[in-house]
């Protein structure tokens, strides 16, 4: 039953974010912000697919542990694409609120992304091992978490300052995504039921995509 429900959820999730992202890319015209949001949504979908599709296969066949290698590779790819996801979101923030005088902050965000991706390639992660060390799961997520905290604060501050109703809860969606993700990183290997937190984490990302898509649709309707 878990395999069927989880697979159906993943199919709906992946098809939704990829479809919405594709629409935004195709119909944004010269609006770079909307194109970036569309690219971000498509990246989210395709990146997660590398982990979710093998996971569904494993659940429906010989089990997760028997497919540890392909699941690990999927997690590695997803870790990289999610890092790029937040770099794009940061640039959307800069573009949306016309921020130009933040070169040091921009450099820091890119540095965090590079460090995070570099840490993902360390052999100590043991991606192909089903019982990979939790310690390295924490190490590689430290720069990722710092990046997330910065972006949460940036959206909270600017959305309130500019009375941005479309993105007023962007910060909260990111908070929820990290809030549900962190316990999975720390405890899911020993307390398997905590893995269920990945569902609300995923829904938080869907919320992020829907905020961007709703703003895109409003802008499109006004232009028509």
Foldseek 3Di string as FASTA:
>chain_A
DCLVVLLVLLVCLLVVLLVLLVCQLVPVPPPVLSVLLSVLSNLQSVLQCQQSVVQSVQVVPVHCQVQQQSNLVSVLSSQLSVLVSLLSVVVSLCVVLVPDPDPVVNVLSVVLSVQLNVLSPDCLQVSSHNLRDLVSLVVSCPSVVVSLVVSLVSLCVRCVVVVPPLCNCVSVLSVLLVVLVVCCSRPCSPVVVSVVSVSSSSVSVVVNSVSSSVVSVVVVVVVD
